[in-house]
């Protein structure tokens, strides 16, 4: 089962997160999502556990629990929704550009 974890402290590591959940069963992976630009934690991540029963127990026990001074938000992860990327697929999102018109510098009428 894939578990969504929010309110993760920025200083926390994936190994620390994995160990926090390991008390409830086998953790197959722990991933903290990083900002692409700053390379800092975005404060949330995902933990994957091998057994659904252990995962449900971890969710119940760890939701609201203290982790390095912050109260975790723990839920079953929902499947990622497909959403249209209007900026790329439809050609939108770019600058206006200069299309036609009669403007210009030093124009004399």
N, C-alpha and C. Protein backbone atom coordinates (compact mmCIF):
# COMPACT_ATOMS: atom_id res chain seq x y z
N UNK A 1 0.85 -1.18 0.00
CA UNK A 1 0.00 0.00 0.00
C UNK A 1 0.89 1.24 0.00
N UNK A 2 0.46 2.23 -0.74
CA UNK A 2 1.18 3.50 -0.82
C UNK A 2 0.53 4.49 0.16
N UNK A 3 1.35 5.14 0.98
CA UNK A 3 0.87 6.03 2.03
C UNK A 3 1.40 7.44 1.77
N UNK A 4 0.50 8.41 1.84
CA UNK A 4 0.86 9.82 1.69
C UNK A 4 1.19 10.37 3.08
N UNK A 5 2.33 11.07 3.19
CA UNK A 5 2.75 11.63 4.47
C UNK A 5 3.03 13.12 4.26
N UNK A 6 2.35 13.98 5.02
CA UNK A 6 2.55 15.42 4.92
C UNK A 6 3.06 15.97 6.24
N UNK A 7 3.54 17.21 6.18
CA UNK A 7 4.08 17.93 7.33
C UNK A 7 5.39 17.30 7.82
N UNK A 8 6.17 16.81 6.86
CA UNK A 8 7.47 16.23 7.18
C UNK A 8 8.45 17.38 7.40
N UNK A 9 9.23 17.34 8.49
CA UNK A 9 10.22 18.39 8.71
C UNK A 9 11.24 18.44 7.57
N UNK A 10 11.68 19.65 7.22
CA UNK A 10 12.63 19.81 6.12
C UNK A 10 13.94 19.09 6.37
N UNK A 11 14.34 18.95 7.62
CA UNK A 11 15.63 18.32 7.94
C UNK A 11 15.55 16.80 7.93
N UNK A 12 14.36 16.22 7.86
CA UNK A 12 14.18 14.77 7.89
C UNK A 12 14.74 14.12 6.63
N UNK A 13 15.27 12.91 6.78
CA UNK A 13 15.78 12.14 5.64
C UNK A 13 14.81 11.01 5.32
N UNK A 14 14.96 10.45 4.14
CA UNK A 14 14.12 9.32 3.74
C UNK A 14 14.37 8.12 4.65
N UNK A 15 15.61 7.90 5.08
CA UNK A 15 15.91 6.79 5.98
C UNK A 15 15.21 6.97 7.33
N UNK A 16 15.18 8.20 7.84
CA UNK A 16 14.50 8.46 9.11
C UNK A 16 13.00 8.23 8.98
N UNK A 17 12.43 8.64 7.85
CA UNK A 17 11.01 8.42 7.61
C UNK A 17 10.72 6.92 7.53
N UNK A 18 11.57 6.21 6.82
CA UNK A 18 11.42 4.76 6.69
C UNK A 18 11.47 4.08 8.06
N UNK A 19 12.40 4.47 8.90
CA UNK A 19 12.52 3.89 10.24
C UNK A 19 11.29 4.20 11.10
N UNK A 20 10.73 5.37 10.93
CA UNK A 20 9.55 5.77 11.70
C UNK A 20 8.37 4.84 11.40
N UNK A 21 8.23 4.42 10.14
CA UNK A 21 7.14 3.54 9.74
C UNK A 21 7.47 2.07 9.93
N UNK A 22 8.73 1.73 10.00
CA UNK A 22 9.16 0.32 10.09
C UNK A 22 8.67 -0.36 11.37
N UNK A 23 8.33 0.41 12.40
CA UNK A 23 7.82 -0.18 13.64
C UNK A 23 6.49 -0.90 13.40
N UNK A 24 5.82 -0.62 12.27
CA UNK A 24 4.50 -1.19 11.99
C UNK A 24 4.54 -2.27 10.91
N UNK A 25 5.69 -2.51 10.31
CA UNK A 25 5.81 -3.55 9.30
C UNK A 25 6.89 -3.22 8.29
N UNK A 26 6.99 -4.07 7.28
CA UNK A 26 8.03 -3.92 6.26
C UNK A 26 7.76 -2.71 5.37
N UNK A 27 8.73 -1.81 5.32
CA UNK A 27 8.64 -0.64 4.45
C UNK A 27 9.46 -0.94 3.20
N UNK A 28 8.80 -0.92 2.05
CA UNK A 28 9.51 -1.22 0.80
C UNK A 28 10.18 0.03 0.22
N UNK A 29 9.62 1.21 0.51
CA UNK A 29 10.27 2.44 0.05
C UNK A 29 9.74 3.64 0.82
N UNK A 30 10.57 4.67 0.90
CA UNK A 30 10.18 5.94 1.50
C UNK A 30 10.78 7.03 0.63
N UNK A 31 9.94 7.96 0.19
CA UNK A 31 10.39 9.01 -0.72
C UNK A 31 9.89 10.36 -0.23
N UNK A 32 10.81 11.30 -0.01
CA UNK A 32 10.45 12.67 0.32
C UNK A 32 10.55 13.47 -0.97
N UNK A 33 9.50 14.20 -1.31
CA UNK A 33 9.47 14.96 -2.56
C UNK A 33 10.29 16.24 -2.39
N UNK A 34 11.18 16.46 -3.36
CA UNK A 34 12.09 17.60 -3.32
C UNK A 34 11.68 18.64 -4.36
N UNK A 35 11.90 19.91 -4.04
CA UNK A 35 11.66 21.00 -4.99
C UNK A 35 12.72 20.92 -6.08
N UNK A 36 12.30 21.04 -7.32
CA UNK A 36 13.22 20.91 -8.45
C UNK A 36 14.25 22.04 -8.50
N UNK A 37 13.86 23.22 -8.09
CA UNK A 37 14.75 24.38 -8.18
C UNK A 37 15.69 24.47 -6.98
N UNK A 38 15.13 24.42 -5.78
CA UNK A 38 15.94 24.63 -4.57
C UNK A 38 16.56 23.35 -4.02
N UNK A 39 16.06 22.21 -4.46
CA UNK A 39 16.51 20.91 -3.96
C UNK A 39 16.26 20.75 -2.46
N UNK A 40 15.28 21.49 -1.92
CA UNK A 40 14.86 21.33 -0.53
C UNK A 40 13.58 20.50 -0.50
N UNK A 41 13.35 19.88 0.64
CA UNK A 41 12.14 19.10 0.83
C UNK A 41 10.91 19.98 0.65
N UNK A 42 9.88 19.43 0.04
CA UNK A 42 8.61 20.16 -0.09
C UNK A 42 7.70 19.87 1.09
N UNK A 43 8.16 19.03 2.04
CA UNK A 43 7.41 18.79 3.26
C UNK A 43 6.41 17.65 3.18
N UNK A 44 6.44 16.90 2.08
CA UNK A 44 5.57 15.74 2.00
C UNK A 44 6.28 14.63 1.24
N UNK A 45 5.72 13.43 1.34
CA UNK A 45 6.34 12.30 0.67
C UNK A 45 5.42 11.10 0.68
N UNK A 46 6.00 9.95 0.34
CA UNK A 46 5.24 8.71 0.23
C UNK A 46 6.03 7.58 0.85
N UNK A 47 5.32 6.72 1.56
CA UNK A 47 5.90 5.52 2.15
C UNK A 47 5.12 4.35 1.59
N UNK A 48 5.83 3.34 1.12
CA UNK A 48 5.17 2.16 0.59
C UNK A 48 5.46 0.99 1.52
N UNK A 49 4.37 0.31 1.93
CA UNK A 49 4.50 -0.83 2.82
C UNK A 49 4.01 -2.08 2.12
N UNK A 50 4.66 -3.21 2.43
CA UNK A 50 4.38 -4.47 1.75
C UNK A 50 3.00 -5.04 2.10
N UNK A 51 2.58 -4.89 3.34
CA UNK A 51 1.33 -5.50 3.82
C UNK A 51 0.28 -4.42 4.07
N UNK A 52 -0.91 -4.59 3.47
CA UNK A 52 -1.98 -3.60 3.64
C UNK A 52 -2.43 -3.46 5.09
N UNK A 53 -2.48 -4.56 5.82
CA UNK A 53 -2.90 -4.51 7.22
C UNK A 53 -1.93 -3.70 8.06
N UNK A 54 -0.64 -3.92 7.85
CA UNK A 54 0.38 -3.15 8.56
C UNK A 54 0.32 -1.68 8.17
N UNK A 55 0.05 -1.43 6.90
CA UNK A 55 -0.03 -0.04 6.41
C UNK A 55 -1.21 0.68 7.07
N UNK A 56 -2.35 0.01 7.16
CA UNK A 56 -3.52 0.63 7.79
C UNK A 56 -3.26 0.92 9.27
N UNK A 57 -2.56 0.01 9.94
CA UNK A 57 -2.22 0.22 11.34
C UNK A 57 -1.27 1.42 11.47
N UNK A 58 -0.31 1.52 10.55
CA UNK A 58 0.63 2.65 10.57
C UNK A 58 -0.10 3.97 10.35
N UNK A 59 -1.05 3.99 9.41
CA UNK A 59 -1.83 5.20 9.13
C UNK A 59 -2.59 5.64 10.39
N UNK A 60 -3.27 4.69 11.01
CA UNK A 60 -4.06 4.99 12.20
C UNK A 60 -3.17 5.48 13.34
N UNK A 61 -2.05 4.81 13.53
CA UNK A 61 -1.18 5.14 14.66
C UNK A 61 -0.35 6.40 14.45
N UNK A 62 0.10 6.63 13.23
CA UNK A 62 1.05 7.72 12.99
C UNK A 62 0.39 9.04 12.56
N UNK A 63 -0.87 9.01 12.15
CA UNK A 63 -1.54 10.26 11.79
C UNK A 63 -1.67 11.13 13.04
N UNK A 64 -1.09 12.30 13.00
CA UNK A 64 -1.10 13.21 14.14
C UNK A 64 0.04 12.99 15.11
N UNK A 65 0.88 11.99 14.83
CA UNK A 65 2.00 11.70 15.74
C UNK A 65 3.14 12.70 15.54
N UNK A 66 3.97 12.82 16.57
CA UNK A 66 5.12 13.72 16.51
C UNK A 66 6.27 13.05 15.76
N UNK A 67 6.84 13.76 14.82
CA UNK A 67 8.02 13.29 14.08
C UNK A 67 8.97 14.47 13.98
N UNK A 68 10.03 14.42 14.76
CA UNK A 68 11.04 15.48 14.80
C UNK A 68 10.42 16.85 15.07
N UNK A 69 9.45 16.87 15.98
CA UNK A 69 8.85 18.13 16.39
C UNK A 69 7.67 18.60 15.57
N UNK A 70 7.26 17.84 14.56
CA UNK A 70 6.09 18.23 13.76
C UNK A 70 5.05 17.12 13.81
N UNK A 71 3.80 17.50 13.71
CA UNK A 71 2.70 16.54 13.73
C UNK A 71 2.42 16.05 12.31
N UNK A 72 2.66 14.77 12.07
CA UNK A 72 2.49 14.21 10.72
C UNK A 72 1.02 14.09 10.33
N UNK A 73 0.77 14.24 9.03
CA UNK A 73 -0.53 13.96 8.45
C UNK A 73 -0.31 12.72 7.58
N UNK A 74 -1.01 11.63 7.91
CA UNK A 74 -0.78 10.35 7.24
C UNK A 74 -2.10 9.82 6.72
N UNK A 75 -2.16 9.53 5.41
CA UNK A 75 -3.36 9.00 4.76
C UNK A 75 -2.96 7.99 3.70
N UNK A 76 -3.93 7.18 3.30
CA UNK A 76 -3.69 6.31 2.15
C UNK A 76 -3.56 7.20 0.91
N UNK A 77 -2.54 6.94 0.13
CA UNK A 77 -2.32 7.75 -1.08
C UNK A 77 -3.38 7.43 -2.11
N UNK A 78 -3.89 8.48 -2.75
CA UNK A 78 -4.84 8.31 -3.84
C UNK A 78 -4.07 8.23 -5.15
N UNK A 79 -4.62 7.52 -6.13
CA UNK A 79 -3.94 7.48 -7.43
C UNK A 79 -3.80 8.88 -8.01
N UNK A 80 -2.71 9.11 -8.69
CA UNK A 80 -2.46 10.41 -9.29
C UNK A 80 -3.49 10.67 -10.39
N UNK A 81 -4.12 11.83 -10.33
CA UNK A 81 -5.12 12.17 -11.33
C UNK A 81 -4.46 12.67 -12.60
N UNK A 82 -5.00 12.22 -13.72
CA UNK A 82 -4.55 12.74 -14.99
C UNK A 82 -5.20 14.10 -15.19
N UNK A 83 -4.40 15.08 -15.49
CA UNK A 83 -4.96 16.41 -15.72
C UNK A 83 -4.30 16.98 -16.97
N UNK A 84 -5.07 17.69 -17.75
CA UNK A 84 -4.49 18.24 -18.97
C UNK A 84 -3.43 19.28 -18.66
N UNK A 85 -2.40 19.25 -19.42
CA UNK A 85 -1.33 20.23 -19.26
C UNK A 85 -1.53 21.26 -20.35
N UNK A 86 -2.40 22.21 -20.11
CA UNK A 86 -2.79 23.19 -21.12
C UNK A 86 -1.62 23.99 -21.66
N UNK A 87 -0.63 24.21 -20.85
CA UNK A 87 0.47 25.04 -21.30
C UNK A 87 1.29 24.36 -22.38
N UNK A 88 1.40 23.07 -22.34
CA UNK A 88 2.24 22.39 -23.33
C UNK A 88 1.42 21.75 -24.44
N UNK A 89 0.34 21.07 -24.09
CA UNK A 89 -0.40 20.33 -25.10
C UNK A 89 -1.21 21.23 -26.03
N UNK A 90 -1.67 22.36 -25.53
CA UNK A 90 -2.48 23.24 -26.36
C UNK A 90 -1.71 24.44 -26.88
N UNK A 91 -0.44 24.51 -26.60
CA UNK A 91 0.37 25.60 -27.11
C UNK A 91 0.21 26.90 -26.34
N UNK A 92 -0.53 26.92 -25.27
CA UNK A 92 -0.72 28.14 -24.51
C UNK A 92 0.41 28.37 -23.53
N UNK A 93 0.32 29.46 -22.82
CA UNK A 93 1.27 29.72 -21.76
C UNK A 93 2.51 30.48 -22.19
N UNK A 94 2.70 30.66 -23.47
CA UNK A 94 3.89 31.38 -23.93
C UNK A 94 3.65 32.87 -23.94
N UNK A 95 4.68 33.60 -24.29
CA UNK A 95 4.55 35.05 -24.39
C UNK A 95 3.71 35.43 -25.60
N UNK A 96 3.26 36.64 -25.62
CA UNK A 96 2.38 37.09 -26.68
C UNK A 96 3.04 37.17 -28.04
N UNK A 97 4.27 37.61 -28.08
CA UNK A 97 4.94 37.75 -29.38
C UNK A 97 4.38 38.93 -30.15
N UNK A 98 4.92 39.19 -31.31
CA UNK A 98 4.46 40.27 -32.17
C UNK A 98 3.87 39.67 -33.42
N UNK A 99 2.57 39.73 -33.51
CA UNK A 99 1.89 39.15 -34.67
C UNK A 99 1.16 40.27 -35.41
N UNK A 100 1.73 40.70 -36.47
CA UNK A 100 1.08 41.73 -37.26
C UNK A 100 1.15 43.08 -36.58
N UNK A 101 0.29 43.97 -36.97
CA UNK A 101 0.27 45.30 -36.39
C UNK A 101 1.17 46.24 -37.17
N UNK A 102 1.05 47.52 -36.88
CA UNK A 102 1.83 48.48 -37.63
C UNK A 102 2.71 49.32 -36.72
N UNK A 103 2.94 48.85 -35.52
CA UNK A 103 3.73 49.63 -34.56
C UNK A 103 5.20 49.61 -34.91
N UNK A 104 5.96 50.39 -34.22
CA UNK A 104 7.40 50.40 -34.43
C UNK A 104 8.00 51.69 -33.90
N UNK A 105 9.28 51.73 -33.88
CA UNK A 105 10.00 52.92 -33.41
C UNK A 105 10.15 53.91 -34.55
N UNK A 106 10.23 55.17 -34.21
CA UNK A 106 10.44 56.24 -35.18
C UNK A 106 9.43 56.23 -36.29
N UNK A 107 8.23 55.94 -35.94
CA UNK A 107 7.18 55.88 -36.94
C UNK A 107 6.68 57.29 -37.22
N UNK A 108 6.61 57.65 -38.47
CA UNK A 108 6.11 58.97 -38.85
C UNK A 108 4.82 58.80 -39.60
N UNK A 109 3.77 59.52 -39.24
CA UNK A 109 2.50 59.44 -39.94
C UNK A 109 2.21 60.71 -40.65
